[in-house]
Amino acid sequence: MKILCTGGSGFIGTHLIDSFLAKGIELINVDIAKPKKQTHNAYWRECNILDLDSLKEVFREFQPSHIVHLAARATMEGKSLDDFRDNTVGTANVLEAVKKTASVSRVVITSSQHVRKPGSGLPQHDEDFAPHGLYGESKVITEQLTRRAELSCTWTIIRPTTVWGPWHPFLPGGLWTMMKRGVYFHPKNDPVIRSYGYVKNVVWGIGKILNAPPNIVDKRVFYLGDEPIKQSEWIDSFSLALIARQTPKIPKEWIFFLARIGDIFEKINIRFPMNSPRYFNLTTTNPVPIDTVIKQFGAPPYSLDQGIAETVLWLKNKGRVWK
């Protein structure tokens, strides 16, 4: 197995590269960003997936047997689909490079749970889309491009859930810092069910797909993460690990009021920790059909407590507010 991973310098990619190296797999990481870990530098090939000629050259030189396409612009912020060209044009380029490389036998393309917005219910089939924002729209295009590419190799689409864990780019300076400082509040009597995913369980799922018989994974879609859980349970488990107490609870109406204030501030370009989109995400149930993966490959190996323990240890080693 020779694996070419796009976006291996990112959050999920860092853990995936660790997993591949631990297994002695020959690999290359194609990314515009330098790896987060110095030990990964030897496997990094600086390349922009928007540059098709350069990308095809990397494929030609390395002759991979397996592709994991993680590279993307993973943010809900953007003014138009053109801001998400990494997800659309970039994916088209990766698929074109695959088609030009006869050595490739298997491809894993990363989409997102945001091809369906919170509150839209479980999908009725793999192309039952209700995208969440421009990011979700760009990932719908990612999937459509994959299906239309007419690849001769085995291909699989993965939809990671809300992934968390060490090396997360946003949560340490946002949610987890607010918890640590005791300024994070959660709605009272929160009934919301969400689909989270400890990053090493997502990596485990990718590994299972890469090694599964083709008839099990070819032209299939798999959500990767943990089993759906009460949002308040996930939040309180982190709070107990960080500050030894549960998150303070306030009426949902108060949070709604703060969201309206945030909307007003944003109109005059002042950032505020709460706004209407965040309120919607916070108060809307959003489970996904993770049971497909569990039935096929078994339960993910890391428990919530294990994931939190590893994440908190990483946070405390970061310094600053975590000391």
C-alpha atoms as a PDB file:
ATOM      1  CA  MET A   1       0.000   0.000   0.000  1.00  0.00           C
ATOM      2  CA  LYS A   2       1.325   3.425  -1.043  1.00  0.00           C
ATOM      3  CA  ILE A   3      -0.890   6.225   0.250  1.00  0.00           C
ATOM      4  CA  LEU A   4      -1.094   9.757  -1.065  1.00  0.00           C
ATOM      5  CA  CYS A   5      -2.957  11.963   1.419  1.00  0.00           C
ATOM      6  CA  THR A   6      -4.018  15.480   0.490  1.00  0.00           C
ATOM      7  CA  GLY A   7      -4.355  17.849   3.436  1.00  0.00           C
ATOM      8  CA  GLY A   8      -2.195  15.698   5.693  1.00  0.00           C
ATOM      9  CA  SER A   9      -0.941  18.786   7.531  1.00  0.00           C
ATOM     10  CA  GLY A  10      -4.424  19.585   8.812  1.00  0.00           C
ATOM     11  CA  PHE A  11      -6.265  18.504  11.936  1.00  0.00           C
ATOM     12  CA  ILE A  12      -7.547  15.096  10.845  1.00  0.00           C
ATOM     13  CA  GLY A  13      -4.581  14.661   8.510  1.00  0.00           C
ATOM     14  CA  THR A  14      -2.040  14.993  11.328  1.00  0.00           C
ATOM     15  CA  HIS A  15      -3.629  12.089  13.181  1.00  0.00           C
ATOM     16  CA  LEU A  16      -4.026  10.080   9.982  1.00  0.00           C
ATOM     17  CA  ILE A  17      -0.331  10.482   9.095  1.00  0.00           C
ATOM     18  CA  ASP A  18       0.553   9.361  12.644  1.00  0.00           C
ATOM     19  CA  SER A  19      -1.573   6.250  12.138  1.00  0.00           C
ATOM     20  CA  PHE A  20       0.011   5.430   8.769  1.00  0.00           C
ATOM     21  CA  LEU A  21       3.554   5.891  10.093  1.00  0.00           C
ATOM     22  CA  ALA A  22       2.839   3.677  13.106  1.00  0.00           C
ATOM     23  CA  LYS A  23       1.846   0.915  10.680  1.00  0.00           C
ATOM     24  CA  GLY A  24       4.925   1.389   8.478  1.00  0.00           C
ATOM     25  CA  ILE A  25       2.888   2.440   5.447  1.00  0.00           C
ATOM     26  CA  GLU A  26       4.692   4.224   2.615  1.00  0.00           C
ATOM     27  CA  LEU A  27       3.071   7.623   2.196  1.00  0.00           C
ATOM     28  CA  ILE A  28       3.253  11.179   0.966  1.00  0.00           C
ATOM     29  CA  ASN A  29       1.396  14.211   2.308  1.00  0.00           C
ATOM     30  CA  VAL A  30       0.346  16.712  -0.362  1.00  0.00           C
ATOM     31  CA  ASP A  31      -0.411  20.050   1.266  1.00  0.00           C
ATOM     32  CA  ILE A  32       0.314  23.754   0.880  1.00  0.00           C
ATOM     33  CA  ALA A  33       0.920  23.983   4.638  1.00  0.00           C
ATOM     34  CA  LYS A  34       3.898  22.634   6.545  1.00  0.00           C
ATOM     35  CA  PRO A  35       3.103  19.681   8.849  1.00  0.00           C
ATOM     36  CA  LYS A  36       2.223  20.423  12.451  1.00  0.00           C
ATOM     37  CA  LYS A  37       4.710  17.779  13.614  1.00  0.00           C
ATOM     38  CA  GLN A  38       8.382  17.974  12.718  1.00  0.00           C
ATOM     39  CA  THR A  39       8.501  14.178  12.393  1.00  0.00           C
ATOM     40  CA  HIS A  40       6.101  14.464   9.447  1.00  0.00           C
ATOM     41  CA  ASN A  41       8.303  16.827   7.428  1.00  0.00           C
ATOM     42  CA  ALA A  42      10.086  14.031   5.569  1.00  0.00           C
ATOM     43  CA  TYR A  43       6.765  12.879   4.083  1.00  0.00           C
ATOM     44  CA  TRP A  44       5.504  16.321   3.040  1.00  0.00           C
ATOM     45  CA  ARG A  45       5.316  17.474  -0.555  1.00  0.00           C
ATOM     46  CA  GLU A  46       4.344  21.124  -0.845  1.00  0.00           C
ATOM     47  CA  CYS A  47       1.718  21.348  -3.560  1.00  0.00           C
ATOM     48  CA  ASN A  48      -1.501  23.289  -4.123  1.00  0.00           C
ATOM     49  CA  ILE A  49      -4.326  21.041  -5.300  1.00  0.00           C
ATOM     50  CA  LEU A  50      -5.605  23.990  -7.366  1.00  0.00           C
ATOM     51  CA  ASP A  51      -2.475  23.598  -9.524  1.00  0.00           C
ATOM     52  CA  LEU A  52      -3.475  20.605 -11.655  1.00  0.00           C
ATOM     53  CA  ASP A  53      -0.161  20.251 -13.498  1.00  0.00           C
ATOM     54  CA  SER A  54       1.857  20.180 -10.274  1.00  0.00           C
ATOM     55  CA  LEU A  55      -0.612  17.773  -8.683  1.00  0.00           C
ATOM     56  CA  LYS A  56      -0.447  15.353 -11.616  1.00  0.00           C
ATOM     57  CA  GLU A  57       3.345  15.467 -11.442  1.00  0.00           C
ATOM     58  CA  VAL A  58       3.292  14.442  -7.771  1.00  0.00           C
ATOM     59  CA  PHE A  59       0.969  11.557  -8.632  1.00  0.00           C
ATOM     60  CA  ARG A  60       3.188  10.502 -11.544  1.00  0.00           C
ATOM     61  CA  GLU A  61       6.335  10.519  -9.412  1.00  0.00           C
ATOM     62  CA  PHE A  62       4.888   8.726  -6.381  1.00  0.00           C
ATOM     63  CA  GLN A  63       2.580   6.254  -8.155  1.00  0.00           C
ATOM     64  CA  PRO A  64       0.208   5.778  -5.182  1.00  0.00           C
ATOM     65  CA  SER A  65      -2.105   2.824  -4.795  1.00  0.00           C
ATOM     66  CA  HIS A  66      -4.481   4.551  -2.345  1.00  0.00           C
ATOM     67  CA  ILE A  67      -5.672   8.174  -2.109  1.00  0.00           C
ATOM     68  CA  VAL A  68      -7.173   9.899   0.923  1.00  0.00           C
ATOM     69  CA  HIS A  69      -8.419  13.337  -0.115  1.00  0.00           C
ATOM     70  CA  LEU A  70      -8.754  15.508   3.000  1.00  0.00           C
ATOM     71  CA  ALA A  71      -7.614  18.891   1.670  1.00  0.00           C
ATOM     72  CA  ALA A  72     -10.400  21.468   1.905  1.00  0.00           C
ATOM     73  CA  ARG A  73     -11.413  24.863   3.143  1.00  0.00           C
ATOM     74  CA  ALA A  74     -13.271  23.759   6.274  1.00  0.00           C
ATOM     75  CA  THR A  75     -15.087  26.864   7.467  1.00  0.00           C
ATOM     76  CA  MET A  76     -18.648  28.113   7.453  1.00  0.00           C
ATOM     77  CA  GLU A  77     -17.442  31.618   6.580  1.00  0.00           C
ATOM     78  CA  GLY A  78     -17.466  32.721   2.951  1.00  0.00           C
ATOM     79  CA  LYS A  79     -19.206  35.184   0.665  1.00  0.00           C
ATOM     80  CA  SER A  80     -19.631  32.952  -2.390  1.00  0.00           C
ATOM     81  CA  LEU A  81     -18.850  29.460  -3.643  1.00  0.00           C
ATOM     82  CA  ASP A  82     -15.721  30.902  -5.215  1.00  0.00           C
ATOM     83  CA  ASP A  83     -14.311  31.134  -1.685  1.00  0.00           C
ATOM     84  CA  PHE A  84     -14.499  27.321  -1.555  1.00  0.00           C
ATOM     85  CA  ARG A  85     -12.558  26.502  -4.725  1.00  0.00           C
ATOM     86  CA  ASP A  86     -10.343  24.126  -2.704  1.00  0.00           C
ATOM     87  CA  ASN A  87     -13.443  21.988  -2.159  1.00  0.00           C
ATOM     88  CA  THR A  88     -14.756  22.166  -5.728  1.00  0.00           C
ATOM     89  CA  VAL A  89     -11.963  22.834  -8.215  1.00  0.00           C
ATOM     90  CA  GLY A  90      -9.442  21.165  -5.895  1.00  0.00           C
ATOM     91  CA  THR A  91     -11.499  17.976  -5.742  1.00  0.00           C
ATOM     92  CA  ALA A  92     -11.982  18.015  -9.521  1.00  0.00           C
ATOM     93  CA  ASN A  93      -8.194  18.224  -9.901  1.00  0.00           C
ATOM     94  CA  VAL A  94      -7.597  15.334  -7.500  1.00  0.00           C
ATOM     95  CA  LEU A  95     -10.103  13.194  -9.416  1.00  0.00           C
ATOM     96  CA  GLU A  96      -8.440  14.099 -12.709  1.00  0.00           C
ATOM     97  CA  ALA A  97      -5.021  13.158 -11.314  1.00  0.00           C
ATOM     98  CA  VAL A  98      -6.470   9.834 -10.136  1.00  0.00           C
ATOM     99  CA  LYS A  99      -7.821   9.098 -13.603  1.00  0.00           C
ATOM    100  CA  LYS A 100      -4.376   9.756 -15.091  1.00  0.00           C
ATOM    101  CA  THR A 101      -2.606   7.431 -12.623  1.00  0.00           C
ATOM    102  CA  ALA A 102      -3.058   3.750 -13.395  1.00  0.00           C
ATOM    103  CA  SER A 103      -1.517   2.629 -10.082  1.00  0.00           C
ATOM    104  CA  VAL A 104      -4.464   3.962  -8.032  1.00  0.00           C
ATOM    105  CA  SER A 105      -6.794   1.193  -6.863  1.00  0.00           C
ATOM    106  CA  ARG A 106      -8.751   2.985  -4.138  1.00  0.00           C
ATOM    107  CA  VAL A 107      -9.862   6.543  -3.350  1.00  0.00           C
ATOM    108  CA  VAL A 108     -11.440   8.029  -0.230  1.00  0.00           C
ATOM    109  CA  ILE A 109     -13.005  11.463  -0.785  1.00  0.00           C
ATOM    110  CA  THR A 110     -13.853  13.593   2.252  1.00  0.00           C
ATOM    111  CA  SER A 111     -17.203  15.365   2.274  1.00  0.00           C
ATOM    112  CA  SER A 112     -18.995  16.593   5.418  1.00  0.00           C
ATOM    113  CA  GLN A 113     -22.103  16.066   7.524  1.00  0.00           C
ATOM    114  CA  HIS A 114     -22.971  19.618   6.429  1.00  0.00           C
ATOM    115  CA  VAL A 115     -24.320  18.355   3.120  1.00  0.00           C
ATOM    116  CA  ARG A 116     -27.417  18.279   5.313  1.00  0.00           C
ATOM    117  CA  LYS A 117     -28.189  21.180   7.625  1.00  0.00           C
ATOM    118  CA  PRO A 118     -29.097  20.664  11.292  1.00  0.00           C
ATOM    119  CA  GLY A 119     -32.771  19.929  11.767  1.00  0.00           C
ATOM    120  CA  SER A 120     -33.261  18.443   8.302  1.00  0.00           C
ATOM    121  CA  GLY A 121     -33.558  14.899   9.625  1.00  0.00           C
ATOM    122  CA  LEU A 122     -31.785  11.741   8.563  1.00  0.00           C
ATOM    123  CA  PRO A 123     -31.054  11.391   4.819  1.00  0.00           C
ATOM    124  CA  GLN A 124     -33.340   9.094   2.870  1.00  0.00           C
ATOM    125  CA  HIS A 125     -30.531   8.155   0.466  1.00  0.00           C
ATOM    126  CA  ASP A 126     -26.934   9.165  -0.325  1.00  0.00           C
ATOM    127  CA  GLU A 127     -27.934  12.057  -2.591  1.00  0.00           C
ATOM    128  CA  ASP A 128     -30.624  13.469  -0.320  1.00  0.00           C
ATOM    129  CA  PHE A 129     -29.017  16.885   0.141  1.00  0.00           C
ATOM    130  CA  ALA A 130     -30.076  19.927   2.166  1.00  0.00           C
ATOM    131  CA  PRO A 131     -26.756  21.782   2.431  1.00  0.00           C
ATOM    132  CA  HIS A 132     -25.800  23.905   5.403  1.00  0.00           C
ATOM    133  CA  GLY A 133     -24.387  27.193   4.097  1.00  0.00           C
ATOM    134  CA  LEU A 134     -21.891  27.694   1.310  1.00  0.00           C
ATOM    135  CA  TYR A 135     -19.505  25.189   2.883  1.00  0.00           C
ATOM    136  CA  GLY A 136     -22.218  22.527   2.741  1.00  0.00           C
ATOM    137  CA  GLU A 137     -22.975  23.454  -0.881  1.00  0.00           C
ATOM    138  CA  SER A 138     -19.302  23.091  -1.781  1.00  0.00           C
ATOM    139  CA  LYS A 139     -19.247  19.613  -0.250  1.00  0.00           C
ATOM    140  CA  VAL A 140     -22.351  18.617  -2.213  1.00  0.00           C
ATOM    141  CA  ILE A 141     -20.366  19.566  -5.308  1.00  0.00           C
ATOM    142  CA  THR A 142     -17.443  17.493  -3.990  1.00  0.00           C
ATOM    143  CA  GLU A 143     -19.718  14.444  -3.876  1.00  0.00           C
ATOM    144  CA  GLN A 144     -21.332  15.134  -7.253  1.00  0.00           C
ATOM    145  CA  LEU A 145     -17.932  15.479  -8.909  1.00  0.00           C
ATOM    146  CA  THR A 146     -16.868  12.154  -7.421  1.00  0.00           C
ATOM    147  CA  ARG A 147     -19.947  10.331  -8.656  1.00  0.00           C
ATOM    148  CA  ARG A 148     -19.617  11.807 -12.148  1.00  0.00           C
ATOM    149  CA  ALA A 149     -15.890  11.157 -12.477  1.00  0.00           C
ATOM    150  CA  GLU A 150     -16.417   7.592 -13.747  1.00  0.00           C
ATOM    151  CA  LEU A 151     -13.421   6.324 -11.810  1.00  0.00           C
ATOM    152  CA  SER A 152     -12.262   2.824 -12.684  1.00  0.00           C
ATOM    153  CA  CYS A 153     -11.002   2.231  -9.148  1.00  0.00           C
ATOM    154  CA  THR A 154     -12.879   1.671  -5.886  1.00  0.00           C
ATOM    155  CA  TRP A 155     -14.104   4.957  -4.421  1.00  0.00           C
ATOM    156  CA  THR A 156     -15.760   5.885  -1.138  1.00  0.00           C
ATOM    157  CA  ILE A 157     -17.144   9.157   0.206  1.00  0.00           C
ATOM    158  CA  ILE A 158     -16.814   9.909   3.917  1.00  0.00           C
ATOM    159  CA  ARG A 159     -18.800  12.497   5.874  1.00  0.00           C
ATOM    160  CA  PRO A 160     -17.020  13.303   9.155  1.00  0.00           C
ATOM    161  CA  THR A 161     -19.257  14.572  11.940  1.00  0.00           C
ATOM    162  CA  THR A 162     -18.260  17.365  14.372  1.00  0.00           C
ATOM    163  CA  VAL A 163     -14.682  16.184  14.863  1.00  0.00           C
ATOM    164  CA  TRP A 164     -12.715  17.130  17.983  1.00  0.00           C
ATOM    165  CA  GLY A 165      -9.468  16.234  19.699  1.00  0.00           C
ATOM    166  CA  PRO A 166      -5.794  17.262  19.934  1.00  0.00           C
ATOM    167  CA  TRP A 167      -4.579  19.698  17.242  1.00  0.00           C
ATOM    168  CA  HIS A 168      -8.073  21.083  16.646  1.00  0.00           C
ATOM    169  CA  PRO A 169      -7.594  24.507  14.990  1.00  0.00           C
ATOM    170  CA  PHE A 170     -10.491  26.426  16.606  1.00  0.00           C
ATOM    171  CA  LEU A 171     -11.855  24.840  19.787  1.00  0.00           C
ATOM    172  CA  PRO A 172      -8.786  25.506  21.991  1.00  0.00           C
ATOM    173  CA  GLY A 173      -9.177  29.261  21.496  1.00  0.00           C
ATOM    174  CA  GLY A 174     -12.961  29.177  21.605  1.00  0.00           C
ATOM    175  CA  LEU A 175     -15.229  26.734  23.416  1.00  0.00           C
ATOM    176  CA  TRP A 176     -12.545  25.048  25.540  1.00  0.00           C
ATOM    177  CA  THR A 177     -10.935  28.340  26.585  1.00  0.00           C
ATOM    178  CA  MET A 178     -14.341  29.718  27.575  1.00  0.00           C
ATOM    179  CA  MET A 179     -14.926  26.620  29.700  1.00  0.00           C
ATOM    180  CA  LYS A 180     -11.516  26.932  31.321  1.00  0.00           C
ATOM    181  CA  ARG A 181     -12.200  30.567  32.217  1.00  0.00           C
ATOM    182  CA  GLY A 182     -15.665  29.735  33.543  1.00  0.00           C
ATOM    183  CA  VAL A 183     -17.496  32.003  31.090  1.00  0.00           C
ATOM    184  CA  TYR A 184     -19.245  29.354  28.988  1.00  0.00           C
ATOM    185  CA  PHE A 185     -22.975  28.847  29.631  1.00  0.00           C
ATOM    186  CA  HIS A 186     -25.255  26.175  28.212  1.00  0.00           C
ATOM    187  CA  PRO A 187     -29.063  26.047  27.794  1.00  0.00           C
ATOM    188  CA  LYS A 188     -31.057  24.576  30.668  1.00  0.00           C
ATOM    189  CA  ASN A 189     -32.816  21.253  30.078  1.00  0.00           C
ATOM    190  CA  ASP A 190     -30.998  20.832  26.761  1.00  0.00           C
ATOM    191  CA  PRO A 191     -32.682  17.997  24.768  1.00  0.00           C
ATOM    192  CA  VAL A 192     -30.418  18.352  21.710  1.00  0.00           C
ATOM    193  CA  ILE A 193     -28.808  15.218  20.252  1.00  0.00           C
ATOM    194  CA  ARG A 194     -25.606  15.760  18.254  1.00  0.00           C
ATOM    195  CA  SER A 195     -23.087  13.669  16.373  1.00  0.00           C
ATOM    196  CA  TYR A 196     -19.543  14.300  17.552  1.00  0.00           C
ATOM    197  CA  GLY A 197     -16.446  12.394  16.546  1.00  0.00           C
ATOM    198  CA  TYR A 198     -13.200  11.940  18.428  1.00  0.00           C
ATOM    199  CA  VAL A 199     -10.526  12.424  15.769  1.00  0.00           C
ATOM    200  CA  LYS A 200      -8.839   9.062  16.383  1.00  0.00           C
ATOM    201  CA  ASN A 201     -12.163   7.299  15.865  1.00  0.00           C
ATOM    202  CA  VAL A 202     -12.489   9.093  12.519  1.00  0.00           C
ATOM    203  CA  VAL A 203      -8.968   7.978  11.596  1.00  0.00           C
ATOM    204  CA  TRP A 204      -9.891   4.438  12.652  1.00  0.00           C
ATOM    205  CA  GLY A 205     -12.873   4.566  10.292  1.00  0.00           C
ATOM    206  CA  ILE A 206     -10.719   5.729   7.377  1.00  0.00           C
ATOM    207  CA  GLY A 207      -8.350   2.846   8.035  1.00  0.00           C
ATOM    208  CA  LYS A 208     -11.209   0.351   8.024  1.00  0.00           C
ATOM    209  CA  ILE A 209     -12.452   1.688   4.683  1.00  0.00           C
ATOM    210  CA  LEU A 210      -8.985   1.550   3.120  1.00  0.00           C
ATOM    211  CA  ASN A 211      -8.595  -2.106   4.075  1.00  0.00           C
ATOM    212  CA  ALA A 212     -12.148  -3.345   3.488  1.00  0.00           C
ATOM    213  CA  PRO A 213     -13.045  -5.595   0.541  1.00  0.00           C
ATOM    214  CA  PRO A 214     -14.041  -3.421  -2.439  1.00  0.00           C
ATOM    215  CA  ASN A 215     -17.600  -4.768  -2.592  1.00  0.00           C
ATOM    216  CA  ILE A 216     -18.240  -3.412   0.928  1.00  0.00           C
ATOM    217  CA  VAL A 217     -17.084   0.176   0.342  1.00  0.00           C
ATOM    218  CA  ASP A 218     -17.202   0.855  -3.403  1.00  0.00           C
ATOM    219  CA  LYS A 219     -19.468   3.770  -4.329  1.00  0.00           C
ATOM    220  CA  ARG A 220     -20.656   3.994  -0.718  1.00  0.00           C
ATOM    221  CA  VAL A 221     -21.078   6.894   1.705  1.00  0.00           C
ATOM    222  CA  PHE A 222     -20.067   6.536   5.362  1.00  0.00           C
ATOM    223  CA  TYR A 223     -20.536   9.006   8.209  1.00  0.00           C
ATOM    224  CA  LEU A 224     -17.490   8.885  10.474  1.00  0.00           C
ATOM    225  CA  GLY A 225     -17.573   9.789  14.151  1.00  0.00           C
ATOM    226  CA  ASP A 226     -19.056   8.533  17.409  1.00  0.00           C
ATOM    227  CA  GLU A 227     -22.575   7.446  18.203  1.00  0.00           C
ATOM    228  CA  PRO A 228     -24.999  10.382  18.649  1.00  0.00           C
ATOM    229  CA  ILE A 229     -25.034  11.752  22.189  1.00  0.00           C
ATOM    230  CA  LYS A 230     -26.888  14.368  24.219  1.00  0.00           C
ATOM    231  CA  GLN A 231     -25.110  17.652  23.585  1.00  0.00           C
ATOM    232  CA  SER A 232     -25.218  18.508  27.295  1.00  0.00           C
ATOM    233  CA  GLU A 233     -23.473  15.223  28.164  1.00  0.00           C
ATOM    234  CA  TRP A 234     -20.585  15.993  25.807  1.00  0.00           C
ATOM    235  CA  ILE A 235     -20.312  19.558  27.097  1.00  0.00           C
ATOM    236  CA  ASP A 236     -20.467  18.571  30.777  1.00  0.00           C
ATOM    237  CA  SER A 237     -17.914  15.797  30.324  1.00  0.00           C
ATOM    238  CA  PHE A 238     -15.401  18.311  28.982  1.00  0.00           C
ATOM    239  CA  SER A 239     -16.257  20.848  31.663  1.00  0.00           C
ATOM    240  CA  LEU A 240     -15.701  18.310  34.438  1.00  0.00           C
ATOM    241  CA  ALA A 241     -12.316  17.390  32.955  1.00  0.00           C
ATOM    242  CA  LEU A 242     -11.227  21.009  32.579  1.00  0.00           C
ATOM    243  CA  ILE A 243     -12.630  22.767  35.651  1.00  0.00           C
ATOM    244  CA  ALA A 244     -14.018  19.914  37.794  1.00  0.00           C
ATOM    245  CA  ARG A 245     -17.627  21.080  37.558  1.00  0.00           C
ATOM    246  CA  GLN A 246     -20.483  20.973  35.108  1.00  0.00           C
ATOM    247  CA  THR A 247     -21.147  23.848  32.749  1.00  0.00           C
ATOM    248  CA  PRO A 248     -23.434  26.537  34.208  1.00  0.00           C
ATOM    249  CA  LYS A 249     -26.932  26.395  32.703  1.00  0.00           C
ATOM    250  CA  ILE A 250     -29.109  29.375  31.817  1.00  0.00           C
ATOM    251  CA  PRO A 251     -32.565  29.610  30.194  1.00  0.00           C
ATOM    252  CA  LYS A 252     -32.553  29.176  26.432  1.00  0.00           C
ATOM    253  CA  GLU A 253     -34.453  32.461  26.136  1.00  0.00           C
ATOM    254  CA  TRP A 254     -31.483  34.330  27.583  1.00  0.00           C
ATOM    255  CA  ILE A 255     -29.166  32.805  24.985  1.00  0.00           C
ATOM    256  CA  PHE A 256     -31.636  33.793  22.265  1.00  0.00           C
ATOM    257  CA  PHE A 257     -31.540  37.367  23.574  1.00  0.00           C
ATOM    258  CA  LEU A 258     -27.718  37.337  23.469  1.00  0.00           C
ATOM    259  CA  ALA A 259     -27.880  36.037  19.900  1.00  0.00           C
ATOM    260  CA  ARG A 260     -30.049  38.980  18.840  1.00  0.00           C
ATOM    261  CA  ILE A 261     -27.568  41.358  20.437  1.00  0.00           C
ATOM    262  CA  GLY A 262     -24.784  39.574  18.558  1.00  0.00           C
ATOM    263  CA  ASP A 263     -26.647  40.063  15.275  1.00  0.00           C
ATOM    264  CA  ILE A 264     -26.796  43.801  15.918  1.00  0.00           C
ATOM    265  CA  PHE A 265     -23.077  43.979  16.719  1.00  0.00           C
ATOM    266  CA  GLU A 266     -22.188  42.040  13.568  1.00  0.00           C
ATOM    267  CA  LYS A 267     -24.027  44.583  11.433  1.00  0.00           C
ATOM    268  CA  ILE A 268     -21.485  47.160  12.599  1.00  0.00           C
ATOM    269  CA  ASN A 269     -18.564  44.700  12.199  1.00  0.00           C
ATOM    270  CA  ILE A 270     -18.109  43.968  15.896  1.00  0.00           C
ATOM    271  CA  ARG A 271     -17.576  40.291  16.761  1.00  0.00           C
ATOM    272  CA  PHE A 272     -19.735  38.816  19.518  1.00  0.00           C
ATOM    273  CA  PRO A 273     -19.599  35.274  20.982  1.00  0.00           C
ATOM    274  CA  MET A 274     -23.238  34.525  20.111  1.00  0.00           C
ATOM    275  CA  ASN A 275     -25.397  35.207  17.052  1.00  0.00           C
ATOM    276  CA  SER A 276     -28.455  33.687  15.380  1.00  0.00           C
ATOM    277  CA  PRO A 277     -26.587  31.017  13.344  1.00  0.00           C
ATOM    278  CA  ARG A 278     -24.718  29.866  16.471  1.00  0.00           C
ATOM    279  CA  TYR A 279     -27.948  29.850  18.468  1.00  0.00           C
ATOM    280  CA  PHE A 280     -29.566  27.690  15.780  1.00  0.00           C
ATOM    281  CA  ASN A 281     -26.679  25.209  15.832  1.00  0.00           C
ATOM    282  CA  LEU A 282     -26.680  25.147  19.629  1.00  0.00           C
ATOM    283  CA  THR A 283     -30.390  24.416  19.940  1.00  0.00           C
ATOM    284  CA  THR A 284     -31.018  22.095  16.972  1.00  0.00           C
ATOM    285  CA  THR A 285     -30.793  18.303  17.079  1.00  0.00           C
ATOM    286  CA  ASN A 286     -28.473  16.940  14.410  1.00  0.00           C
ATOM    287  CA  PRO A 287     -27.848  13.165  14.553  1.00  0.00           C
ATOM    288  CA  VAL A 288     -26.399  11.267  11.594  1.00  0.00           C
ATOM    289  CA  PRO A 289     -26.664   7.576  10.565  1.00  0.00           C
ATOM    290  CA  ILE A 290     -23.388   6.434  12.106  1.00  0.00           C
ATOM    291  CA  ASP A 291     -24.916   2.986  12.619  1.00  0.00           C
ATOM    292  CA  THR A 292     -23.931   2.047   9.046  1.00  0.00           C
ATOM    293  CA  VAL A 293     -20.255   2.144   9.999  1.00  0.00           C
ATOM    294  CA  ILE A 294     -20.856   0.341  13.296  1.00  0.00           C
ATOM    295  CA  LYS A 295     -22.762  -2.478  11.597  1.00  0.00           C
ATOM    296  CA  GLN A 296     -20.021  -2.861   9.009  1.00  0.00           C
ATOM    297  CA  PHE A 297     -16.854  -2.392  11.065  1.00  0.00           C
ATOM    298  CA  GLY A 298     -17.857  -2.454  14.727  1.00  0.00           C
ATOM    299  CA  ALA A 299     -17.874   0.303  17.341  1.00  0.00           C
ATOM    300  CA  PRO A 300     -15.102   2.948  17.259  1.00  0.00           C
ATOM    301  CA  PRO A 301     -12.303   1.998  19.704  1.00  0.00           C
ATOM    302  CA  TYR A 302     -12.007   5.232  21.731  1.00  0.00           C
ATOM    303  CA  SER A 303     -14.573   6.080  24.408  1.00  0.00           C
ATOM    304  CA  LEU A 304     -15.680   9.624  25.208  1.00  0.00           C
ATOM    305  CA  ASP A 305     -13.642   9.588  28.427  1.00  0.00           C
ATOM    306  CA  GLN A 306     -10.505   8.384  26.639  1.00  0.00           C
ATOM    307  CA  GLY A 307     -10.832  11.051  23.979  1.00  0.00           C
ATOM    308  CA  ILE A 308     -11.392  13.801  26.536  1.00  0.00           C
ATOM    309  CA  ALA A 309      -8.430  12.650  28.654  1.00  0.00           C
ATOM    310  CA  GLU A 310      -6.077  12.760  25.655  1.00  0.00           C
ATOM    311  CA  THR A 311      -7.444  16.111  24.511  1.00  0.00           C
ATOM    312  CA  VAL A 312      -7.182  17.738  27.936  1.00  0.00           C
ATOM    313  CA  LEU A 313      -3.606  16.488  28.303  1.00  0.00           C
ATOM    314  CA  TRP A 314      -2.766  18.079  24.950  1.00  0.00           C
ATOM    315  CA  LEU A 315      -4.486  21.324  25.947  1.00  0.00           C
ATOM    316  CA  LYS A 316      -2.569  21.516  29.219  1.00  0.00           C
ATOM    317  CA  ASN A 317       0.706  21.066  27.332  1.00  0.00           C
ATOM    318  CA  LYS A 318      -0.117  24.028  25.090  1.00  0.00           C
ATOM    319  CA  GLY A 319       0.676  26.599  27.791  1.00  0.00           C
ATOM    320  CA  ARG A 320      -0.882  30.022  28.280  1.00  0.00           C
ATOM    321  CA  VAL A 321      -4.449  29.684  29.624  1.00  0.00           C
ATOM    322  CA  TRP A 322      -4.113  25.918  29.941  1.00  0.00           C
ATOM    323  CA  LYS A 323      -1.415  25.947  32.628  1.00  0.00           C
END
